[in-house]
Protein backbone atom coordinates (compact mmCIF):
# COMPACT_ATOMS: atom_id res chain seq x y z
CA UNK A 1 -0.09 -0.01 0.03
CA UNK A 2 1.58 3.68 -0.89
CA UNK A 3 2.33 5.51 1.84
CA UNK A 4 4.49 7.82 -1.03
CA UNK A 5 5.09 11.67 0.15
CA UNK A 6 6.30 14.56 -1.57
CA UNK A 7 9.73 13.61 -3.33
CA UNK A 8 9.95 10.36 -1.72
CA UNK A 9 8.62 7.50 -4.36
CA UNK A 10 8.81 4.83 -2.69
CA UNK A 11 6.10 2.44 -0.57
CA UNK A 12 6.24 1.34 2.57
CA UNK A 13 4.83 -1.93 2.47
CA UNK A 14 4.57 -5.66 4.25
CA UNK A 15 6.73 -8.45 3.00
CA UNK A 16 3.02 -10.23 2.39
CA UNK A 17 2.10 -7.64 -0.32
CA UNK A 18 5.51 -7.63 -2.23
CA UNK A 19 5.08 -11.64 -2.43
CA UNK A 20 1.48 -11.35 -2.95
CA UNK A 21 1.57 -9.11 -5.69
CA UNK A 22 4.25 -10.83 -7.86
CA UNK A 23 1.89 -13.70 -8.19
CA UNK A 24 -0.68 -11.00 -10.50
CA UNK A 25 -1.27 -10.29 -13.92
CA UNK A 26 -3.13 -8.19 -15.78
CA UNK A 27 -6.36 -9.47 -17.26
CA UNK A 28 -8.26 -6.39 -17.35
CA UNK A 29 -8.89 -4.28 -19.94
CA UNK A 30 -11.32 -1.10 -20.83
CA UNK A 31 -13.45 -3.44 -22.25
CA UNK A 32 -13.50 -5.95 -19.62
CA UNK A 33 -13.91 -3.61 -17.19
CA UNK A 34 -17.11 -1.82 -18.87
CA UNK A 35 -19.53 -4.65 -18.72
CA UNK A 36 -18.05 -5.82 -15.18
CA UNK A 37 -18.79 -2.58 -13.93
CA UNK A 38 -22.54 -2.92 -16.01
CA UNK A 39 -22.56 -6.12 -14.04
CA UNK A 40 -21.98 -4.82 -10.89
CA UNK A 41 -24.22 -1.94 -10.66
CA UNK A 42 -27.44 -3.22 -12.43
CA UNK A 43 -28.72 -5.68 -9.93
CA UNK A 44 -32.43 -7.29 -10.54
CA UNK A 45 -32.95 -8.37 -7.37
CA UNK A 46 -34.40 -5.05 -5.72
CA UNK A 47 -36.26 -3.70 -9.03
CA UNK A 48 -38.94 -5.09 -7.25
CA UNK A 49 -38.04 -3.82 -3.74
CA UNK A 50 -37.77 -0.45 -5.62
CA UNK A 51 -41.26 -0.79 -7.96
CA UNK A 52 -42.96 -1.47 -4.10
CA UNK A 53 -42.91 2.53 -3.32
CA UNK A 54 -45.14 3.05 -6.48
CA UNK A 55 -44.76 6.07 -8.83
CA UNK A 56 -42.51 7.26 -6.63
CA UNK A 57 -39.90 5.02 -7.37
CA UNK A 58 -39.12 6.42 -10.07
CA UNK A 59 -39.15 10.80 -9.29
CA UNK A 60 -36.75 9.49 -6.54
CA UNK A 61 -34.42 7.20 -9.10
CA UNK A 62 -34.33 10.11 -11.06
CA UNK A 63 -32.89 12.60 -7.88
CA UNK A 64 -30.83 9.99 -6.80
CA UNK A 65 -29.63 9.73 -10.21
CA UNK A 66 -28.89 13.29 -10.43
CA UNK A 67 -27.76 13.83 -6.25
CA UNK A 68 -25.97 10.92 -5.74
CA UNK A 69 -25.27 8.94 -8.62
CA UNK A 70 -23.46 11.82 -10.71
CA UNK A 71 -21.09 12.75 -7.59
CA UNK A 72 -20.12 9.26 -7.38
CA UNK A 73 -19.09 8.59 -10.61
CA UNK A 74 -16.94 11.95 -11.01
CA UNK A 75 -15.73 10.81 -6.99
CA UNK A 76 -14.24 7.52 -8.07
CA UNK A 77 -13.29 8.15 -11.64
CA UNK A 78 -10.50 10.25 -10.00
CA UNK A 79 -9.56 7.99 -7.20
CA UNK A 80 -9.69 4.79 -9.25
CA UNK A 81 -7.10 6.56 -11.95
CA UNK A 82 -4.78 8.35 -9.41
CA UNK A 83 -4.47 5.51 -6.57
CA UNK A 84 -4.86 2.38 -8.64
CA UNK A 85 -3.23 0.19 -6.71
CA UNK A 86 -4.71 -3.80 -5.73
CA UNK A 87 -8.07 -3.35 -3.20
CA UNK A 88 -9.29 -0.66 -4.01
CA UNK A 89 -11.36 0.64 -1.20
CA UNK A 90 -9.14 -0.68 1.16
CA UNK A 91 -6.05 1.28 -0.58
CA UNK A 92 -8.10 4.69 -0.14
CA UNK A 93 -9.41 4.10 3.24
CA UNK A 94 -5.78 3.01 4.55
CA UNK A 95 -3.69 6.49 2.78
CA UNK A 96 -6.39 8.73 4.26
CA UNK A 97 -7.31 7.81 7.94
CA UNK A 98 -4.67 4.84 8.98
CA UNK A 99 -4.84 1.05 8.47
CA UNK A 100 -6.77 0.53 11.86
CA UNK A 101 -9.92 2.17 10.57
CA UNK A 102 -9.39 0.84 6.68
CA UNK A 103 -8.83 -2.97 7.91
CA UNK A 104 -12.11 -2.42 10.34
CA UNK A 105 -14.27 -1.45 7.53
CA UNK A 106 -12.85 -3.47 4.93
CA UNK A 107 -14.51 -6.39 7.07
CA UNK A 108 -18.36 -4.51 6.77
CA UNK A 109 -17.46 -4.09 2.92
CA UNK A 110 -16.32 -7.38 2.50
CA UNK A 111 -19.00 -8.99 4.41
CA UNK A 112 -22.03 -7.31 2.72
CA UNK A 113 -21.51 -9.54 -0.03
CA UNK A 114 -21.71 -12.84 1.21
CA UNK A 115 -24.80 -11.92 3.32
CA UNK A 116 -25.96 -10.62 -0.03
CA UNK A 117 -25.60 -13.41 -1.96
CA UNK A 118 -27.02 -15.88 0.25
CA UNK A 119 -29.80 -14.11 0.80
CA UNK A 120 -31.58 -11.87 -1.46
CA UNK A 121 -29.75 -13.05 -4.09
CA UNK A 122 -30.64 -17.07 -3.18
CA UNK A 123 -33.95 -16.08 -2.75
CA UNK A 124 -34.61 -14.39 -5.55
CA UNK A 125 -33.52 -17.08 -7.73
CA UNK A 126 -35.01 -19.83 -5.53
CA UNK A 127 -38.70 -17.95 -5.63
CA UNK A 128 -37.89 -17.21 -9.37
CA UNK A 129 -37.61 -21.04 -10.23
CA UNK A 130 -40.17 -21.72 -8.80
CA UNK A 131 -42.55 -19.43 -10.78
CA UNK A 132 -41.76 -20.35 -13.74
CA UNK A 133 -40.53 -24.27 -13.44
CA UNK A 134 -41.92 -25.12 -9.99
CA UNK A 135 -41.29 -24.83 -6.40
CA UNK A 136 -38.61 -26.10 -5.02
CA UNK A 137 -39.80 -27.47 -1.89
CA UNK A 138 -36.94 -28.75 0.47
CA UNK A 139 -35.36 -28.96 -2.81
CA UNK A 140 -34.44 -24.96 -2.18
CA UNK A 141 -31.55 -26.51 -0.06
CA UNK A 142 -30.09 -28.29 -2.92
CA UNK A 143 -30.23 -25.22 -5.31
CA UNK A 144 -29.50 -22.52 -3.05
CA UNK A 145 -25.44 -24.06 -3.01
CA UNK A 146 -25.59 -24.62 -6.09
CA UNK A 147 -25.87 -20.97 -6.79
CA UNK A 148 -23.53 -19.68 -3.86
CA UNK A 149 -21.16 -21.75 -4.67
CA UNK A 150 -20.96 -21.45 -8.54
CA UNK A 151 -20.21 -17.72 -7.65
CA UNK A 152 -16.99 -18.71 -5.47
CA UNK A 153 -16.15 -21.04 -8.20
CA UNK A 154 -16.13 -18.45 -10.53
CA UNK A 155 -14.75 -16.33 -8.59
CA UNK A 156 -11.74 -18.85 -7.70
CA UNK A 157 -10.91 -18.86 -11.34
CA UNK A 158 -8.00 -17.05 -12.65
CA UNK A 159 -9.54 -13.48 -13.33
CA UNK A 160 -8.54 -14.20 -17.78
CA UNK A 161 -11.48 -16.51 -17.30
CA UNK A 162 -13.75 -15.73 -14.34
CA UNK A 163 -14.40 -12.19 -15.86
CA UNK A 164 -16.43 -13.36 -18.28
CA UNK A 165 -18.81 -14.59 -15.99
CA UNK A 166 -20.12 -10.70 -15.90
CA UNK A 167 -19.21 -10.08 -19.05
CA UNK A 168 -21.93 -12.47 -19.94
CA UNK A 169 -23.93 -11.23 -17.29
CA UNK A 170 -23.88 -7.82 -18.69
CA UNK A 171 -24.94 -8.77 -21.91
CA UNK A 172 -28.16 -11.27 -20.48
CA UNK A 173 -29.23 -8.21 -18.43
CA UNK A 174 -29.20 -5.87 -20.82
CA UNK A 175 -31.12 -8.21 -23.48
CA UNK A 176 -33.51 -9.50 -20.88
CA UNK A 177 -34.49 -6.03 -19.44
CA UNK A 178 -34.66 -4.92 -23.31
CA UNK A 179 -36.38 -7.43 -24.21
CA UNK A 180 -38.56 -6.89 -21.19
CA UNK A 181 -39.43 -3.67 -21.62
CA UNK A 182 -40.08 -4.09 -25.26
CA UNK A 183 -42.62 -6.35 -24.06
CA UNK A 184 -44.68 -4.01 -22.09
CA UNK A 185 -45.19 -2.11 -25.17
CA UNK A 186 -47.02 -5.02 -26.56
CA UNK A 187 -49.08 -5.77 -23.62
CA UNK A 188 -49.57 -2.50 -23.06
CA UNK A 189 -50.93 -1.79 -27.13
CA UNK A 190 -53.03 -5.09 -27.30
CA UNK A 191 -54.73 -4.71 -22.99
CA UNK A 192 -53.90 -1.72 -21.82
CA UNK A 193 -52.06 -1.31 -18.73
CA UNK A 194 -52.77 0.17 -15.39
CA UNK A 195 -50.96 3.30 -15.56
CA UNK A 196 -50.23 5.30 -13.14
CA UNK A 197 -51.52 9.22 -12.54
CA UNK A 198 -49.40 12.31 -12.72
CA UNK A 199 -50.17 12.86 -9.17
CA UNK A 200 -48.33 9.50 -8.51
CA UNK A 201 -44.86 10.95 -8.81
CA UNK A 202 -45.43 13.94 -6.70
CA UNK A 203 -42.66 12.95 -4.17
CA UNK A 204 -43.45 12.52 -0.33
CA UNK A 205 -40.96 12.48 2.72
CA UNK A 206 -42.70 9.02 3.68
CA UNK A 207 -41.71 7.15 0.24
CA UNK A 208 -38.68 8.74 0.17
CA UNK A 209 -36.88 7.43 3.88
CA UNK A 210 -38.21 4.16 2.45
CA UNK A 211 -37.18 4.01 -1.01
CA UNK A 212 -33.17 5.81 0.24
CA UNK A 213 -32.01 2.80 1.27
CA UNK A 214 -32.41 0.88 -1.75
CA UNK A 215 -32.15 3.30 -3.92
CA UNK A 216 -28.58 4.12 -2.52
CA UNK A 217 -28.10 0.12 -3.41
CA UNK A 218 -28.62 -0.37 -6.76
CA UNK A 219 -26.59 2.79 -7.14
CA UNK A 220 -23.30 2.02 -5.80
CA UNK A 221 -20.54 -0.47 -7.22
CA UNK A 222 -18.20 2.20 -9.75
CA UNK A 223 -14.91 1.39 -6.79
CA UNK A 224 -15.23 -2.98 -7.95
CA UNK A 225 -12.99 -2.87 -10.26
CA UNK A 226 -10.37 -1.14 -8.44
CA UNK A 227 -10.23 -4.55 -6.18
CA UNK A 228 -8.45 -5.26 -8.99
CA UNK A 229 -5.82 -2.23 -9.83
CA UNK A 230 -2.71 -4.28 -10.14
CA UNK A 231 -4.93 -6.86 -12.93
CA UNK A 232 -5.54 -3.63 -14.97
CA UNK A 233 -4.04 -2.60 -18.37
CA UNK A 234 -3.87 0.91 -18.19
CA UNK A 235 -5.84 1.91 -14.73
CA UNK A 236 -5.22 6.08 -15.72
CA UNK A 237 -6.95 6.14 -18.70
CA UNK A 238 -10.04 3.18 -18.48
CA UNK A 239 -11.62 4.16 -14.76
CA UNK A 240 -12.53 7.50 -16.23
CA UNK A 241 -13.20 6.32 -19.03
CA UNK A 242 -15.70 3.31 -18.26
CA UNK A 243 -17.11 4.91 -15.06
CA UNK A 244 -18.21 7.71 -17.09
CA UNK A 245 -20.39 5.34 -19.38
CA UNK A 246 -21.61 2.92 -17.52
CA UNK A 247 -23.09 5.95 -15.53
CA UNK A 248 -25.08 6.49 -18.25
CA UNK A 249 -26.25 2.89 -19.40
CA UNK A 250 -27.16 2.34 -15.53
CA UNK A 251 -29.59 4.52 -15.23
CA UNK A 252 -31.41 3.92 -18.50
CA UNK A 253 -31.18 -0.10 -17.33
CA UNK A 254 -33.02 0.25 -14.34
CA UNK A 255 -35.55 3.28 -15.01
CA UNK A 256 -36.94 1.10 -18.05
CA UNK A 257 -37.79 -1.85 -16.15
CA UNK A 258 -38.65 -0.65 -13.39
CA UNK A 259 -41.17 2.05 -15.20
CA UNK A 260 -42.53 -0.84 -17.14
CA UNK A 261 -43.54 -2.61 -13.93
CA UNK A 262 -45.47 -0.04 -12.50
CA UNK A 263 -47.50 0.04 -16.36
CA UNK A 264 -48.34 -3.73 -15.56
CA UNK A 265 -49.10 -4.54 -11.79
CA UNK A 266 -51.21 -3.38 -10.10
CA UNK A 267 -49.82 -1.13 -7.07
CA UNK A 268 -51.15 -3.26 -4.62
CA UNK A 269 -49.73 -6.63 -5.78
CA UNK A 270 -46.25 -5.20 -5.91
CA UNK A 271 -43.80 -6.34 -3.79
CA UNK A 272 -39.78 -6.35 -2.44
CA UNK A 273 -39.57 -10.36 -3.71
CA UNK A 274 -42.03 -11.03 -6.48
CA UNK A 275 -42.77 -7.67 -7.91
CA UNK A 276 -40.36 -8.09 -11.82
CA UNK A 277 -41.16 -11.71 -11.38
CA UNK A 278 -44.89 -11.40 -11.46
CA UNK A 279 -44.53 -8.63 -14.01
CA UNK A 280 -42.48 -10.45 -16.53
CA UNK A 281 -44.83 -13.67 -15.83
CA UNK A 282 -47.80 -10.68 -16.88
CA UNK A 283 -46.54 -9.66 -20.23
CA UNK A 284 -45.21 -12.54 -21.39
CA UNK A 285 -49.00 -13.12 -21.58
CA UNK A 286 -48.96 -11.38 -25.50
CA UNK A 287 -46.88 -14.58 -27.01
CA UNK A 288 -48.98 -17.03 -25.12
CA UNK A 289 -51.33 -16.89 -22.27
CA UNK A 290 -53.55 -14.89 -20.74
CA UNK A 291 -53.80 -13.04 -17.56
CA UNK A 292 -57.31 -13.47 -14.70
CA UNK A 293 -58.06 -10.31 -13.17
CA UNK A 294 -59.44 -10.81 -9.60
CA UNK A 295 -62.21 -8.76 -8.27
CA UNK A 296 -59.45 -6.66 -5.74
CA UNK A 297 -57.69 -6.25 -8.79
CA UNK A 298 -55.24 -8.62 -8.42
CA UNK A 299 -53.66 -10.41 -11.52
CA UNK A 300 -52.77 -13.71 -12.32
CA UNK A 301 -50.48 -14.67 -15.56
CA UNK A 302 -50.97 -18.11 -16.91
CA UNK A 303 -48.46 -18.91 -19.77
CA UNK A 304 -48.53 -21.25 -23.03
CA UNK A 305 -47.25 -21.96 -26.13
CA UNK A 306 -44.59 -19.57 -26.92
CA UNK A 307 -45.57 -17.43 -24.02
CA UNK A 308 -44.37 -19.73 -21.91
CA UNK A 309 -40.86 -20.90 -23.68
CA UNK A 310 -40.52 -16.72 -24.10
CA UNK A 311 -41.24 -17.09 -20.12
CA UNK A 312 -38.45 -19.74 -19.45
CA UNK A 313 -36.24 -18.79 -21.08
CA UNK A 314 -36.69 -15.16 -19.74
CA UNK A 315 -36.86 -16.46 -16.22
CA UNK A 316 -33.26 -18.70 -16.62
CA UNK A 317 -31.53 -15.43 -17.49
CA UNK A 318 -32.98 -13.74 -14.49
CA UNK A 319 -31.47 -16.66 -12.75
CA UNK A 320 -27.64 -15.89 -14.68
CA UNK A 321 -28.15 -12.04 -13.47
CA UNK A 322 -28.96 -12.77 -10.10
CA UNK A 323 -25.50 -15.74 -10.10
CA UNK A 324 -23.40 -12.90 -12.17
CA UNK A 325 -24.25 -9.84 -10.22
CA UNK A 326 -22.53 -12.43 -6.92
CA UNK A 327 -20.10 -13.44 -9.46
CA UNK A 328 -18.80 -9.52 -10.11
CA UNK A 329 -19.02 -8.51 -6.28
CA UNK A 330 -17.41 -11.15 -4.49
CA UNK A 331 -14.83 -11.35 -7.45
CA UNK A 332 -13.81 -7.13 -6.17
CA UNK A 333 -14.63 -7.35 -2.04
CA UNK A 334 -12.92 -10.46 -1.57
CA UNK A 335 -9.88 -9.30 -3.34
CA UNK A 336 -10.32 -6.13 -1.53
CA UNK A 337 -10.02 -8.33 1.62
CA UNK A 338 -7.29 -9.93 0.55
CA UNK A 339 -5.06 -6.69 0.29
CA UNK A 340 -6.00 -5.86 3.86
CA UNK A 341 -5.00 -9.18 5.00
CA UNK A 342 -1.92 -9.07 3.84
CA UNK A 343 -1.38 -5.66 3.64
CA UNK A 344 -1.48 -6.40 8.17
CA UNK A 345 -5.53 -5.50 8.48
CA UNK A 346 -6.44 -9.04 9.24
CA UNK A 347 -4.92 -13.04 9.53
CA UNK A 348 -2.17 -13.77 7.09
CA UNK A 349 -4.19 -16.73 5.97
CA UNK A 350 -7.23 -14.67 4.11
CA UNK A 351 -4.61 -12.57 2.69
CA UNK A 352 -2.72 -15.15 -0.19
CA UNK A 353 -3.27 -14.92 -3.63
CA UNK A 354 -3.31 -18.25 -5.36
CA UNK A 355 0.41 -18.76 -7.65
CA UNK A 356 -1.77 -20.40 -10.12
CA UNK A 357 -5.46 -18.14 -10.28
CA UNK A 358 -4.05 -15.02 -9.31
CA UNK A 359 -7.31 -15.21 -6.66
CA UNK A 360 -7.18 -14.93 -3.10
CA UNK A 361 -8.62 -18.70 -2.83
CA UNK A 362 -8.74 -19.34 1.33
CA UNK A 363 -11.06 -15.91 0.96
CA UNK A 364 -13.39 -17.21 -1.71
CA UNK A 365 -13.80 -19.95 0.44
CA UNK A 366 -14.55 -17.86 3.64
CA UNK A 367 -17.22 -16.03 1.33
CA UNK A 368 -18.66 -19.50 0.29
CA UNK A 369 -19.19 -20.79 4.08
CA UNK A 370 -21.03 -17.23 5.56
CA UNK A 371 -22.95 -17.59 2.53
CA UNK A 372 -23.98 -20.70 3.21
CA UNK A 373 -24.36 -20.24 6.50
CA UNK A 374 -26.60 -16.91 5.99
CA UNK A 375 -28.86 -19.15 3.62
CA UNK A 376 -29.55 -22.13 6.51
CA UNK A 377 -29.98 -19.59 9.01
CA UNK A 378 -32.54 -17.25 7.10
CA UNK A 379 -34.39 -19.57 6.07
CA UNK A 380 -34.38 -21.58 8.80
CA UNK A 381 -35.46 -18.67 11.05
CA UNK A 382 -37.42 -17.43 9.04
CA UNK A 383 -39.63 -20.40 9.71
CA UNK A 384 -40.05 -20.41 5.83
CA UNK A 385 -41.37 -17.00 5.55
CA UNK A 386 -39.50 -15.84 2.23
CA UNK A 387 -40.84 -12.07 1.97
CA UNK A 388 -39.68 -11.90 6.22
CA UNK A 389 -36.83 -13.49 5.41
CA UNK A 390 -36.03 -11.68 2.19
CA UNK A 391 -36.42 -8.27 4.30
CA UNK A 392 -33.92 -8.96 6.81
CA UNK A 393 -31.23 -10.22 4.75
CA UNK A 394 -31.48 -7.16 1.99
CA UNK A 395 -31.54 -4.61 5.07
CA UNK A 396 -28.80 -5.99 6.77
CA UNK A 397 -27.00 -6.31 2.92
CA UNK A 398 -27.68 -2.37 2.86
CA UNK A 399 -26.94 -1.17 6.08
CA UNK A 400 -23.48 -2.78 5.88
CA UNK A 401 -22.97 -1.61 2.45
CA UNK A 402 -23.98 2.07 3.63
CA UNK A 403 -21.79 2.05 6.60
CA UNK A 404 -18.97 1.17 4.90
CA UNK A 405 -19.08 4.03 2.19
CA UNK A 406 -19.63 6.36 4.89
CA UNK A 407 -15.19 6.04 5.52
CA UNK A 408 -14.55 5.95 1.71
CA UNK A 409 -16.65 8.80 0.22
CA UNK A 410 -15.08 11.13 2.44
CA UNK A 411 -11.17 10.29 1.28
CA UNK A 412 -11.50 11.81 -1.70
CA UNK A 413 -11.53 15.12 0.09
CA UNK A 414 -8.67 13.66 2.86
CA UNK A 415 -6.36 12.80 -0.18
CA UNK A 416 -6.55 16.22 -2.09
CA UNK A 417 -4.88 17.32 0.55
CA UNK A 418 -2.42 14.73 2.30
CA UNK A 419 -1.44 13.07 -0.83
CA UNK A 420 -1.59 16.32 -3.59
CA UNK A 421 1.95 15.47 -5.65
CA UNK A 422 -0.13 11.37 -6.83
CA UNK A 423 -0.40 12.49 -10.41
CA UNK A 424 -4.45 12.17 -11.08
CA UNK A 425 -5.15 11.98 -14.84
CA UNK A 426 -8.77 12.93 -14.24
CA UNK A 427 -9.96 15.34 -11.50
CA UNK A 428 -13.52 16.33 -10.11
CA UNK A 429 -14.56 19.44 -12.11
CA UNK A 430 -14.88 22.89 -9.94
CA UNK A 431 -11.34 22.60 -8.30
CA UNK A 432 -11.04 21.97 -4.50
CA UNK A 433 -14.96 23.30 -4.05
CA UNK A 434 -15.80 20.91 -6.53
CA UNK A 435 -13.74 17.93 -4.62
CA UNK A 436 -15.92 19.21 -1.61
CA UNK A 437 -18.88 19.44 -3.04
CA UNK A 438 -19.00 16.06 -4.30
CA UNK A 439 -17.79 14.32 -1.11
CA UNK A 440 -20.19 15.89 1.10
CA UNK A 441 -22.62 15.04 -1.24
CA UNK A 442 -22.26 11.56 -1.28
CA UNK A 443 -21.56 11.07 2.61
CA UNK A 444 -24.41 12.54 3.09
CA UNK A 445 -26.87 10.23 0.93
CA UNK A 446 -24.59 7.11 2.99
CA UNK A 447 -25.69 8.52 5.75
CA UNK A 448 -28.96 9.42 5.26
CA UNK A 449 -29.24 5.83 4.31
CA UNK A 450 -28.09 4.27 7.21
CA UNK A 451 -30.34 5.89 9.60
CA UNK A 452 -33.43 4.72 7.33
CA UNK A 453 -32.21 1.46 6.88
CA UNK A 454 -31.88 0.65 10.70
CA UNK A 455 -34.61 2.80 11.43
CA UNK A 456 -37.69 2.45 9.11
CA UNK A 457 -39.56 5.12 9.18
CA UNK A 458 -37.60 8.18 10.90
CA UNK A 459 -38.86 11.43 10.16
CA UNK A 460 -42.08 10.34 9.74
CA UNK A 461 -44.96 11.10 12.02
CA UNK A 462 -45.73 6.79 12.32
CA UNK A 463 -42.16 5.35 11.91
CA UNK A 464 -43.96 2.06 13.01
CA UNK A 465 -45.89 1.89 10.00
CA UNK A 466 -43.39 2.06 7.93
CA UNK A 467 -41.50 -1.22 9.09
CA UNK A 468 -40.60 -3.99 6.31
CA UNK A 469 -42.76 -7.02 5.31
CA UNK A 470 -43.09 -9.06 8.07
CA UNK A 471 -42.67 -6.81 10.70
CA UNK A 472 -45.47 -5.16 11.43
CA UNK A 473 -45.61 -4.25 15.29
CA UNK A 474 -42.27 -6.33 16.03
CA UNK A 475 -40.12 -2.77 16.27
CA UNK A 476 -37.84 -4.49 17.98
CA UNK A 477 -37.35 -7.97 16.54
CA UNK A 478 -36.55 -6.05 13.01
CA UNK A 479 -33.82 -3.52 15.25
CA UNK A 480 -32.65 -6.85 16.34
CA UNK A 481 -31.95 -8.01 13.72
CA UNK A 482 -30.09 -5.54 11.79
CA UNK A 483 -27.93 -4.60 15.37
CA UNK A 484 -26.92 -7.68 16.55
CA UNK A 485 -25.00 -8.43 12.84
CA UNK A 486 -23.51 -5.46 12.43
CA UNK A 487 -22.05 -5.75 16.08
CA UNK A 488 -20.97 -9.44 15.36
CA UNK A 489 -19.43 -7.37 11.87
CA UNK A 490 -17.61 -4.77 13.87
CA UNK A 491 -15.72 -7.49 16.80
CA UNK A 492 -14.70 -9.73 13.59
CA UNK A 493 -13.36 -6.86 12.30
CA UNK A 494 -11.27 -6.22 15.61
CA UNK A 495 -10.64 -9.36 16.02
CA UNK A 496 -8.54 -9.79 12.71
CA UNK A 497 -7.01 -6.44 12.73
CA UNK A 498 -5.64 -8.18 15.39
CA UNK A 499 -4.51 -11.35 14.45
CA UNK A 500 -3.19 -9.32 11.46
CA UNK A 501 -0.16 -8.09 13.93
CA UNK A 502 2.79 -9.98 12.82
CA UNK A 503 2.29 -9.40 9.15
CA UNK A 504 2.39 -5.97 10.40
CA UNK A 505 5.57 -6.07 11.61
CA UNK A 506 8.10 -7.44 8.74
CA UNK A 507 7.74 -3.66 6.48
CA UNK A 508 10.13 -3.00 3.37
CA UNK A 509 10.23 0.07 1.71
CA UNK A 510 10.36 -0.77 -1.89
CA UNK A 511 11.79 1.84 -4.41
CA UNK A 512 9.19 2.48 -7.21
CA UNK A 513 11.82 3.68 -10.33
CA UNK A 514 9.05 4.12 -12.57
CA UNK A 515 7.60 6.84 -10.83
CA UNK A 516 10.79 8.16 -9.47
CA UNK A 517 11.61 8.13 -13.44
CA UNK A 518 8.03 10.54 -13.93
């Protein structure tokens, strides 16, 4: 990890870091990074959760797109092109606030992904399979294990091979969302749509505070390719190029399907878990099948013929998109934690990269074990209530993520002052004032998302009315489901830091000849 000072082109690092970095290979080009980011940013598991907030969700999607997503992209473009060592956010946080803070933060950033993989991604995949093919019953455990360990296996593969999982996943989600949106147009022409009045888009505070955490979660991930910084071919050029271009693609890929769900399904029927799944089944009836509308306005879709075939293909594409999302985040977050470990921020055993594959196998396997544990515990503790299970793990995955960004976003302005001599191929527009504005905006959104998630209904007149599905009248139970795991994860971070003490003691100085020549 670079701790350069002006005029001193020397990297103060650990002996373990020198050993492990020697195993890394340059596999990551501009093409790979772009599709890696699309796969990272466009997560399909939360489309229903966003749409369940009604037409306002689209309004707030646009607001956060301007007030958070754009500043976040600018921030990452500067940090990722200037501080492009392996480890990404761990490196930025360490240089800005020290190894201790970075080590604790790294554990939250890393473990939010096994929680997400074993939680919301897995249950959404199981639910999709059941909706389009056959309910799995107790076979859901087998399906879930295959789903989780496929992602782990892909992360273990050499990056030159494993990078094709997110690339194919990016193309898959673009085709799926494009075909879904096209089908909505056909459905509207044939059957009409439920539609949302102009007043439905009018923003209110209650929906704003409910939607912000999920929208924030949808929009993060720009920094993930930098976890493989030393495996990039030309990060100084490629990071700004891919970040800025993927931002526009991401907003379009989110906005169109969310609006489509709102047009197709009655508002009362859109659920966090099944919203997108139900919408797919409904619109694909234009190719074969029919829709039955109950007296309460609920619609039930039955697919036949070509509709059934296309629905099954779309369902498999959706499951693949979910798996590729989990794979991509595991690839990046695991590398970040491995770098923290060989830098002395965690146990040395987690900081080994395979000489053959160039991947951190120990961390990959531990992520798989943790995801499996989350899956089994959630199924058991929720007593088969999939909606409640989905809510708990989604909330926990988002809260660990938002908390970690509370340290990541301020690094931009901090490093402007502590490392002004580091070349910055791209700078946030507006000079120092622009950097302050971007840092404050992104950090404020992370703080708001954290508070709104840990205390649903924050600032509303009746906060308990905003409790997630399955927790009506159970404020204490919901809070315990979030704060106890968070406490455990922070304690684990402290333990990891203590176990990294022997590694931290073996310090070496590496002359950076290329930097000195420049």
